[in-house]
Every structure is written in structure tokens, then in C-alpha cells.
Protein backbone atom coordinates (compact mmCIF):
# COMPACT_ATOMS: atom_id res chain seq x y z
CA MET A 1 62.99 -22.74 -43.37
CA GLU A 2 65.22 -23.73 -40.53
CA PHE A 3 65.42 -21.50 -37.41
CA ILE A 4 68.57 -21.84 -35.31
CA ILE A 5 69.74 -20.60 -31.97
CA ALA A 6 73.27 -19.20 -31.85
CA ASN A 7 75.43 -17.99 -28.96
CA ALA A 8 76.88 -14.53 -28.38
CA LYS A 9 79.82 -15.46 -30.63
CA LYS A 10 77.41 -16.25 -33.52
CA MET A 11 78.14 -19.94 -33.28
CA GLU A 12 75.18 -22.28 -33.89
CA MET A 13 73.88 -24.12 -30.77
CA GLY A 14 71.03 -26.05 -32.38
CA ASN A 15 67.64 -25.88 -34.06
CA LEU A 16 64.75 -23.93 -32.52
CA PRO A 17 62.88 -26.36 -30.22
CA GLU A 18 59.15 -26.93 -31.05
CA SER A 19 58.29 -25.68 -27.54
CA PHE A 20 59.45 -22.15 -28.61
CA SER A 21 56.98 -19.76 -30.31
CA VAL A 22 58.25 -16.89 -32.42
CA ASP A 23 56.71 -13.65 -33.70
CA PHE A 24 58.99 -11.72 -36.08
CA ASP A 25 58.01 -8.28 -37.48
CA ILE A 26 60.17 -7.19 -40.38
CA GLY A 27 59.51 -3.87 -42.02
CA ASP A 28 57.58 -2.14 -39.18
CA THR A 29 58.89 -2.57 -35.69
CA ASN A 30 61.77 -4.78 -36.90
CA ASP A 31 61.88 -7.00 -33.83
CA VAL A 32 61.11 -10.42 -32.51
CA GLU A 33 59.35 -11.85 -29.50
CA ILE A 34 60.06 -15.47 -28.48
CA THR A 35 58.14 -17.38 -25.83
CA CYS A 36 59.98 -20.39 -24.46
CA PRO A 37 60.42 -22.51 -21.37
CA ARG A 38 62.30 -20.79 -18.54
CA GLY A 39 66.09 -20.93 -19.13
CA GLY A 40 65.67 -21.61 -22.81
CA LEU A 41 67.47 -18.39 -23.90
CA ASP A 42 69.93 -15.88 -22.50
CA PHE A 43 71.05 -12.31 -23.19
CA GLY A 44 73.32 -12.01 -26.21
CA MET A 45 72.04 -15.07 -28.04
CA TYR A 46 70.78 -14.91 -31.65
CA LEU A 47 67.79 -16.40 -33.47
CA ILE A 48 68.56 -16.87 -37.11
CA CYS A 49 67.00 -18.37 -40.25
CA PRO A 50 69.84 -18.89 -42.81
CA GLY A 51 69.00 -17.86 -46.36
CA THR A 52 66.57 -15.14 -45.16
CA GLU A 53 66.80 -11.88 -43.20
CA TYR A 54 64.91 -13.33 -40.23
CA GLY A 55 67.53 -12.88 -37.56
CA ALA A 56 67.64 -11.00 -34.27
CA LEU A 57 69.93 -10.34 -31.26
CA ILE A 58 68.22 -11.28 -27.97
CA GLU A 59 68.50 -8.44 -25.49
CA GLU A 60 65.30 -8.28 -23.36
CA SER A 61 63.56 -10.73 -21.04
CA ASP A 62 60.19 -10.80 -19.32
CA SER A 63 59.14 -13.47 -16.92
CA TRP A 64 57.01 -14.32 -13.89
CA THR A 65 58.19 -16.41 -10.99
CA ASN A 66 55.05 -18.45 -11.09
CA SER A 67 55.21 -19.21 -14.79
CA ALA A 68 57.03 -22.08 -16.52
CA THR A 69 57.59 -19.90 -19.62
CA GLU A 70 59.23 -16.58 -20.28
CA ALA A 71 59.34 -14.04 -23.11
CA TRP A 72 62.48 -12.78 -24.85
CA ARG A 73 62.68 -9.91 -27.24
CA GLY A 74 65.32 -8.55 -29.55
CA ASN A 75 66.05 -6.22 -32.51
CA ALA A 76 66.00 -7.77 -36.02
CA PHE A 77 69.14 -7.03 -38.03
CA ARG A 78 67.19 -4.48 -40.11
CA LYS A 79 66.66 -2.54 -36.84
CA PHE A 80 70.40 -2.05 -36.41
CA LEU A 81 70.43 -0.04 -39.67
CA GLN A 82 67.50 1.97 -38.36
CA GLN A 83 69.49 2.78 -35.24
CA TYR A 84 72.63 4.01 -37.01
CA ILE A 85 72.51 7.68 -37.97
CA ILE A 86 74.22 9.11 -41.09
CA GLU A 87 75.74 12.42 -40.03
CA PRO A 88 76.91 15.16 -42.35
CA THR A 89 80.57 15.14 -43.22
CA SER A 90 82.58 17.45 -40.85
CA GLY A 91 82.33 21.02 -42.12
CA GLN A 92 79.61 20.13 -44.61
CA ASP A 93 75.87 20.53 -44.60
CA TYR A 94 75.12 17.08 -45.93
CA ARG A 95 76.66 13.64 -46.41
CA THR A 96 77.13 13.07 -50.13
CA VAL A 97 78.16 9.84 -51.76
CA SER A 98 78.59 8.48 -55.29
CA GLY A 99 79.38 5.27 -57.13
CA ASP A 100 78.48 1.59 -56.63
CA ALA A 101 75.93 0.89 -53.88
CA HIS A 102 78.28 -1.63 -52.11
CA ASP A 103 81.04 0.96 -51.96
CA VAL A 104 78.55 3.44 -50.48
CA PHE A 105 77.49 0.91 -47.86
CA ARG A 106 81.14 0.34 -46.89
CA LYS A 107 81.81 4.09 -46.67
CA ILE A 108 78.78 4.66 -44.52
CA ILE A 109 78.55 1.59 -42.35
CA GLY A 110 82.16 0.52 -42.23
CA ASN A 111 82.70 -1.79 -39.22
CA VAL A 112 79.89 -0.54 -37.00
CA TYR A 113 78.32 -2.95 -34.48
CA ASP A 114 81.59 -4.82 -34.26
CA GLY A 115 81.35 -5.78 -37.97
CA LEU A 116 77.77 -7.19 -37.76
CA PHE A 117 77.18 -6.56 -41.45
CA ALA A 118 79.30 -8.12 -44.14
CA ILE A 119 79.17 -6.23 -47.41
CA PRO A 120 80.17 -8.14 -50.58
CA GLU A 121 83.53 -7.18 -52.06
CA GLU A 122 82.17 -7.48 -55.59
CA LYS A 123 80.30 -4.56 -57.16
CA SER A 124 76.51 -4.59 -56.90
CA GLY A 125 76.19 -3.27 -60.48
CA ILE A 126 73.91 -0.53 -59.06
CA ASP A 127 75.36 2.93 -59.51
CA VAL A 128 73.60 5.47 -57.27
CA GLY A 129 75.13 8.44 -59.11
CA THR A 130 75.80 11.36 -56.83
CA TYR A 131 73.40 11.20 -53.85
CA ARG A 132 72.93 13.53 -50.95
CA PHE A 133 71.49 11.95 -47.80
CA ASP A 134 68.93 13.85 -45.71
CA ARG A 135 70.58 15.37 -42.63
CA TYR A 136 70.81 12.97 -39.72
CA THR A 137 68.78 10.28 -41.41
CA ASP A 138 69.03 6.69 -40.25
CA ALA A 139 70.93 4.26 -42.43
CA LEU A 140 67.92 2.13 -43.30
CA SER A 141 65.82 5.11 -44.41
CA GLY A 142 68.78 6.68 -46.17
CA PHE A 143 69.79 3.53 -48.09
CA THR A 144 66.23 2.74 -48.93
CA LYS A 145 65.53 6.21 -50.35
CA MET A 146 68.84 6.27 -52.20
CA LEU A 147 68.28 2.89 -53.85
CA LYS A 148 64.64 3.46 -54.74
CA ARG A 149 65.77 6.26 -57.16
CA VAL A 150 67.57 3.57 -59.16
CA ASN A 151 64.88 0.87 -58.77
CA ALA A 152 66.84 -1.11 -56.26
CA ARG A 153 66.43 -2.10 -52.61
CA VAL A 154 68.27 -3.06 -49.46
CA ASN A 155 68.84 -6.88 -49.16
CA ILE A 156 69.80 -8.62 -45.87
CA GLU A 157 70.56 -12.32 -45.87
CA ILE A 158 71.96 -14.51 -43.07
CA LYS A 159 74.65 -16.93 -44.25
CA GLN A 160 75.70 -19.94 -42.25
CA GLY A 161 79.34 -20.29 -41.46
CA ASP A 162 81.49 -23.22 -42.35
CA ALA A 163 82.27 -25.85 -39.75
CA ASN A 164 83.29 -24.10 -36.49
CA GLU A 165 82.74 -20.71 -38.07
CA PRO A 166 80.20 -18.03 -37.05
CA PHE A 167 77.28 -17.05 -39.17
CA SER A 168 77.39 -13.71 -41.04
CA VAL A 169 74.78 -11.04 -42.01
CA ILE A 170 75.21 -10.01 -45.64
CA LEU A 171 74.08 -6.52 -46.54
CA SER A 172 73.78 -5.91 -50.23
CA ALA A 173 71.87 -3.91 -52.91
CA VAL A 174 69.76 -5.70 -55.46
CA PRO A 175 67.25 -4.60 -58.11
CA ILE A 176 63.61 -4.41 -57.12
CA GLN A 177 61.63 -7.30 -58.64
CA ASN A 178 58.28 -6.42 -60.17
CA LEU A 179 56.43 -9.76 -59.56
CA SER A 180 52.96 -8.41 -60.42
CA SER A 181 52.72 -10.48 -63.56
CA GLU A 182 53.52 -13.69 -61.67
CA ILE A 183 51.91 -12.79 -58.35
CA GLU A 184 48.48 -11.17 -58.73
CA TYR A 185 45.58 -11.47 -56.32
CA SER A 186 41.99 -11.03 -57.49
CA GLN A 187 38.61 -12.70 -57.32
CA ASP A 188 40.19 -15.58 -59.17
CA SER A 189 42.46 -16.36 -56.20
CA LYS A 190 41.26 -17.77 -52.94
CA ILE A 191 42.94 -14.99 -50.95
CA ALA A 192 40.71 -12.12 -49.80
CA ILE A 193 41.98 -8.64 -50.75
CA ASN A 194 40.72 -5.20 -49.88
CA MET A 195 40.98 -2.44 -52.48
CA SER A 196 39.77 1.09 -51.81
CA GLU A 197 39.92 4.33 -53.68
CA SER A 198 39.45 7.84 -52.31
CA ARG A 199 38.93 10.87 -54.49
CA ARG A 200 38.37 13.41 -51.72
CA GLY A 201 41.95 14.06 -50.72
CA ILE A 202 43.96 17.32 -51.14
CA ASN A 203 45.06 17.90 -54.74
CA HIS A 204 46.38 21.43 -54.48
CA LEU A 205 48.98 22.34 -51.87
CA ILE A 206 50.16 25.87 -51.24
CA CYS A 207 53.68 25.58 -49.79
CA LEU A 208 54.95 28.54 -47.80
CA GLY A 209 58.70 28.84 -47.22
CA LYS A 210 60.91 31.43 -45.59
CA GLY A 211 60.37 35.20 -45.80
CA GLU A 212 57.70 37.62 -44.62
CA LEU A 213 54.41 38.74 -46.17
CA LYS A 214 54.79 39.54 -49.90
CA ASN A 215 58.39 38.40 -49.81
CA ARG A 216 57.61 34.88 -48.55
CA GLN A 217 58.49 31.92 -50.77
CA VAL A 218 55.37 30.28 -52.30
CA VAL A 219 55.15 27.18 -54.36
CA HIS A 220 51.87 25.69 -55.69
CA LEU A 221 51.82 21.93 -56.15
CA TYR A 222 49.11 19.96 -57.92
CA VAL A 223 48.17 16.28 -58.16
CA GLN A 224 47.73 15.03 -61.65
CA LEU A 225 45.27 12.39 -62.99
CA ASP A 226 47.91 9.63 -62.75
CA GLY A 227 48.74 10.46 -59.10
CA SER A 228 51.97 12.26 -59.89
CA ILE A 229 52.66 15.74 -58.56
CA SER A 230 53.72 18.81 -60.62
CA GLN A 231 53.24 22.61 -60.67
CA LYS A 232 50.66 22.43 -63.40
CA LYS A 233 47.00 22.59 -62.29
CA TYR A 234 44.75 19.66 -63.18
CA TYR A 235 41.72 19.48 -60.92
CA ILE A 236 39.36 22.46 -61.04
CA GLY A 237 35.92 23.47 -59.89
CA LEU A 238 34.17 20.97 -57.58
CA ALA A 239 37.08 18.59 -57.84
CA GLU A 240 39.73 20.94 -56.46
CA ARG A 241 40.69 20.58 -52.78
CA THR A 242 43.32 22.89 -51.31
CA ALA A 243 45.43 23.01 -48.20
CA VAL A 244 48.39 25.09 -46.92
CA TYR A 245 51.79 23.64 -45.89
CA ASP A 246 53.87 25.97 -43.68
CA TYR A 247 57.57 25.16 -43.91
CA SER A 248 59.35 28.35 -42.78
CA ASN A 249 62.65 26.52 -42.35
CA ALA A 250 62.99 25.82 -46.04
CA GLU A 251 66.58 26.31 -47.15
CA SER A 252 65.62 27.02 -50.73
CA ILE A 253 62.80 26.81 -53.28
CA GLU A 254 63.98 23.34 -54.18
CA ASP A 255 63.94 22.22 -50.56
CA LEU A 256 60.42 23.74 -50.15
CA THR A 257 59.26 21.92 -53.28
CA THR A 258 60.70 18.58 -52.21
CA LYS A 259 59.19 18.72 -48.77
CA GLY A 260 55.92 19.96 -50.16
CA GLU A 261 55.75 16.99 -52.53
CA GLU A 262 56.30 14.66 -49.62
CA GLN A 263 53.54 16.38 -47.62
CA LEU A 264 51.07 16.38 -50.58
CA ALA A 265 51.68 12.67 -51.07
CA THR A 266 50.27 12.05 -47.56
CA LEU A 267 47.19 14.24 -48.17
CA MET A 268 46.15 13.39 -51.67
CA GLY A 269 43.36 10.95 -52.67
CA ARG A 270 44.73 7.50 -53.14
CA LYS A 271 44.12 3.92 -54.02
CA VAL A 272 44.85 1.38 -51.32
CA MET A 273 45.37 -2.35 -51.65
CA ALA A 274 45.57 -4.62 -48.63
CA MET A 275 46.11 -8.34 -48.57
CA SER A 276 47.41 -11.19 -46.55
CA VAL A 277 49.58 -13.53 -48.51
CA GLN A 278 50.85 -16.91 -47.20
CA ASP A 279 51.86 -18.93 -50.22
CA VAL A 280 54.80 -17.03 -51.73
CA ASP A 281 58.23 -15.75 -50.60
CA VAL A 282 58.56 -12.07 -51.50
CA GLN A 283 61.15 -9.63 -50.21
CA ILE A 284 60.50 -6.20 -48.75
CA GLY A 285 60.55 -3.74 -51.60
CA ASP A 286 59.49 -6.17 -54.25
CA ILE A 287 56.28 -5.51 -56.11
CA ILE A 288 53.09 -7.58 -56.36
CA GLY A 289 49.76 -6.83 -57.95
CA GLY A 290 46.07 -6.90 -57.02
CA ARG A 291 42.95 -6.59 -59.17
CA ASP A 292 39.21 -6.00 -58.54
CA TYR A 293 37.33 -6.92 -61.77
CA GLU A 294 34.01 -5.48 -60.68
CA LYS A 295 35.38 -2.00 -59.84
CA GLN A 296 37.95 -2.19 -62.59
CA ILE A 297 40.74 -1.32 -60.23
CA TYR A 298 44.28 -2.62 -60.70
CA MET A 299 47.27 -1.77 -58.53
CA GLN A 300 50.86 -2.74 -58.11
CA LYS A 301 52.28 -2.22 -54.66
CA PRO A 302 55.65 -2.91 -52.91
CA VAL A 303 55.75 -5.23 -49.92
CA VAL A 304 56.67 -3.22 -46.86
CA GLN A 305 56.17 -5.62 -43.95
CA LYS A 306 56.46 -9.36 -43.26
CA ILE A 307 55.14 -10.95 -40.03
CA VAL A 308 56.69 -14.38 -39.42
CA LYS A 309 55.17 -16.64 -36.78
CA ILE A 310 56.06 -20.06 -35.51
CA GLU A 311 53.71 -21.97 -33.23
CA GLN A 312 54.43 -25.57 -32.30
CA GLY A 313 56.82 -25.87 -35.20
CA ASN A 314 54.36 -24.49 -37.83
CA LEU A 315 55.51 -21.52 -39.80
CA SER A 316 53.24 -18.79 -41.25
CA ILE A 317 54.19 -15.59 -43.07
CA GLU A 318 51.87 -12.59 -43.47
CA TYR A 319 52.71 -9.91 -46.02
CA LYS A 320 51.57 -6.31 -46.04
CA VAL A 321 51.86 -3.92 -48.94
CA GLU A 322 52.36 -0.14 -49.06
CA GLY A 323 49.31 1.79 -47.83
CA GLU A 324 47.90 -1.09 -45.76
CA GLU A 325 47.22 -0.22 -42.15
């Protein structure tokens, strides 16, 4: 991987010097911190790694007058999607879209941030059907949730420009790759993994919507053996654990059920897999697997965070999966 410094016009200025250290967080805070000799960077510059989504606009400095180094920080390109809000169409309760994912991206993002994101003209081949965004959701959350329904994910890739041309940031939709058969971590591998299972979470959620007393909306939701949620009771007796979810602003029974399912998913017992992976290149949203032979636990989890560090020219990448703290 080659990291490059670019100016405010997105023109390359040169490779990242070995005297610079970099700490990228993609998937959580979506930002970067760079430590470098004084005068090494300036506001409006970019740090990019072509062929990946590791790129950021430098907009914050921190320095001491008695230090030879200074810190610079900036938002990763993924953060810009997080800071763009999808508003309901004028006169409508929600923003509703349909069709190919790339057409949806163009309709929602358009030319925001002075055209920071370039969306491929060709179709993605991923039809999102008719989709209604949550009210005032950010574009990253909205796109991620929309695409997950059709087993796809957001993809961001930095592309170098031709001679005397600026770099571009390509925003596209691609299928989620399930790499669990090729990438599995267990006692056989030399990478330590942590796998835990809790069976003491809530498995029955009583959801209360709008209305008063006997006229109040009530929905009972239950966790099933496979971890799914339905309105059919599974756990009984000593195994049943119940809680109440108060959502008096529910617009309908369907809205109450949807929000209740989201709430129960955070309260239910769960299996958690945590690992640090440094020998593969996996994208956020792709799926890898982990196995504990002794406890006979096997899980597949999507990658949700990547931490990229450069120290004295040496690159390391740490991956975190869903559920890992």
C-alpha cells in the first residue's frame, strides 16, 4: 500500500515520508491522526491510499511551541457520508427511493461536498426495490441499512488521476462477500480469538405504543432458538426473561414492531466473537468466521472496523467484527 499526500486541489504532492506516523480508524470514529515534523502538513491537504478507502481531508492541527512535531487530524471519506443527512421529500413524511443502488446514490448525494464522491455511471446490478429511509438519517447509516436488505454494502475506493489530474473518491454498491470458508480463525490458527456466549439476556419484550390504558398498543416479541425474533413464544419457565419497551411515539403497529425488534436485538442473549487480524485484506461489511472446537461454537461475523497504523514506514491493520468492544 502506498500512502500519498495531496494538496487542496486533490493533486498528488508525494509519498508519505517515513517520519510521519498515521492512525486511521475506519468504521468507528472514521478519522485519522497524523504525527509529523512541524510544517509537514497544512489545512486542506489530503492523505490518500489509492485502491483503498483510506483517505482523509486534513482540517485540524495540534502543536506545542517547544516540540519539533505536531499532530494533524481529519475526517475519513466515510465520515462525510455520516455527516450528510437524508431529509424527507418536501411535503412527505419520508424519503422513498427505488431502482439501482447507483441511481439512488446519485439522487441522494448528487454533487454534495463539491463533488467529492464520484458515482459510477454504469449500473451496480443491485436493485434496492422500493426503500423508505428513516427520517433524518445520515447517508452512511441509510445506505448501509438499505443495502444490507439485499446482501450488499457501501464501497469507497480512492482512484489516482491520470497525469496532472486530481484523484477521485469512487462511491459504489457491491455484494457482501462471505469469506468465512476462506478466512476462519480457530485454535488451528496462530491468531488469538475470543468467543463468548450469554444465555441470560432478555428473550421476551413487551412493546407499548401509543394510546392510554386498555387502549394502548401492545406487541409481544420473542427471541427464537436461532436468534431470530418473532411474535411466537419460544422460551418458557426458568429460561424466560422479560422486559418492557415504552415507545409512545409509535406511528403504527408496524413502526412499534420494527423499533421493538431493534430494541430486543440489543437486550437478548448473544454470541460474541472478537479477533485481531493482520494477515488479510477484508472490507467493512464482508463476513469472516471463527471457531472454538472445545466449546463447539462457530460464528460468522461482518467486519465493522479497521484500524490502520503506520509507524516508521511499517503498516499494520487491525480488524474488528460485529459485537466486539
